[in-house]
């Protein structure tokens, strides 16, 4: 089944998400640097940490309320909040205001809107897809995500410093278009659950997650995933701040007297673009080449290569060494990500999939929080110390995955999954 023959909601979500992510990647990955310059590294890290904690909490509530109000209604509420907050961030970055504190306040509001709608969005994609086309849907979405990030990273490094206000204006327009398309063309296919009487919301939410909390293997698996994703989120947090401060500008000379200055911020965009372009172009080929190898071996080797890449990124200031380290990190990512997703799917029982996926969503937010924490730690720890910490975190993830996934247990789960 091709993309254009899929349900209308799927096409709307993937296309609008591609446009939104392309422009937002030109802005938000560089906000750590913006706050660090304006307010200092410690305050910047604290603000980013607050932002992630708020997203984590509202995400849990978003999943809960999405089952009660309906997917479309929650998505429209969340998108409306994003439209207003992005527009206000633009005002806060105008020449007349230029306030980093107002920028943070409305960035926080934007994160609340995003956190509210994301669980409903993911649930909606499952609602309108089938087991037959779901794999194709997620493959196309994964491709679109990486392509949009590649485009955004390249242009963000060039435009963020001098054209930040114009980028906020463009993102506001994209958000308005997305809201209009959602409200007019998206279908509500989910029948919201009706509650007989009002219950304590916190107690009701807690009851929903009790099953997951008793699954020790899955919780250890989540802890391992937090370690790996925490390294990934260092790129747009500590590593960006470090490169902005430590990387010596490299000047390229071209014909007719034209020169190009590769600053620390632009070096960050090159590393990010290298990662996403390689994923877009080479992930399918690498998966095909590794098809005959044992999944667990691919997972552990991939994580080790991934860890080595981040260890080098944490301390080197050489253009070519940084690019090679970025290559290591990307190859490791392409090796471990598909296997991790496959194993996670095998571990999740069908009757509690929603609760398990909600906790898996928290893994992403906790890792983002650790990414922001890296900015704070980096203001006290030398770059070589951060590299050592990256190595410890990466190796810890391998040990945790080994503990969560015994070879015999994994083979049994795979066999049961294949029989089912």
Foldseek 3Di string as FASTA:
>chain_A
DDPVPADPLLNLVLVLVLQLLLLVLLEDLQVQVVCCVVPNLQVSLVLLLVLLVLLLVLLLVLLVVCQAPFQLVQLLQLLVQLLVLLVQLLVCCDPVHVDPVSNSVSSSSNSSSCSNNVNSSVVVLVLRDDPVCSVVSVVSSLLSNLVSSLNSLQVSLVACVPPVSVSSVSSSVSSVVSSVCSVPPDDGPRDHDDDPDDDDPVVVSVVLQPVVVVQVLLVLLLLLLLLLLLLVLLLSHVLLNCQQPPADWDWDADPPRDIDTCGSSNLSSVLSSLLSVCCNPPLVVVCVVCVPPDLLVLQLVLLLLLLQLSLQSLADNDSVSVNVSSVSNNSSCSRNVVSSVVLSVLVDDPVSVSSSVSVSVSSNSSSSSSSSVSSNVCVVDPSNVVSVVSNVSSVVSSVSNCVSDPPVNSVVSVVVVVVD
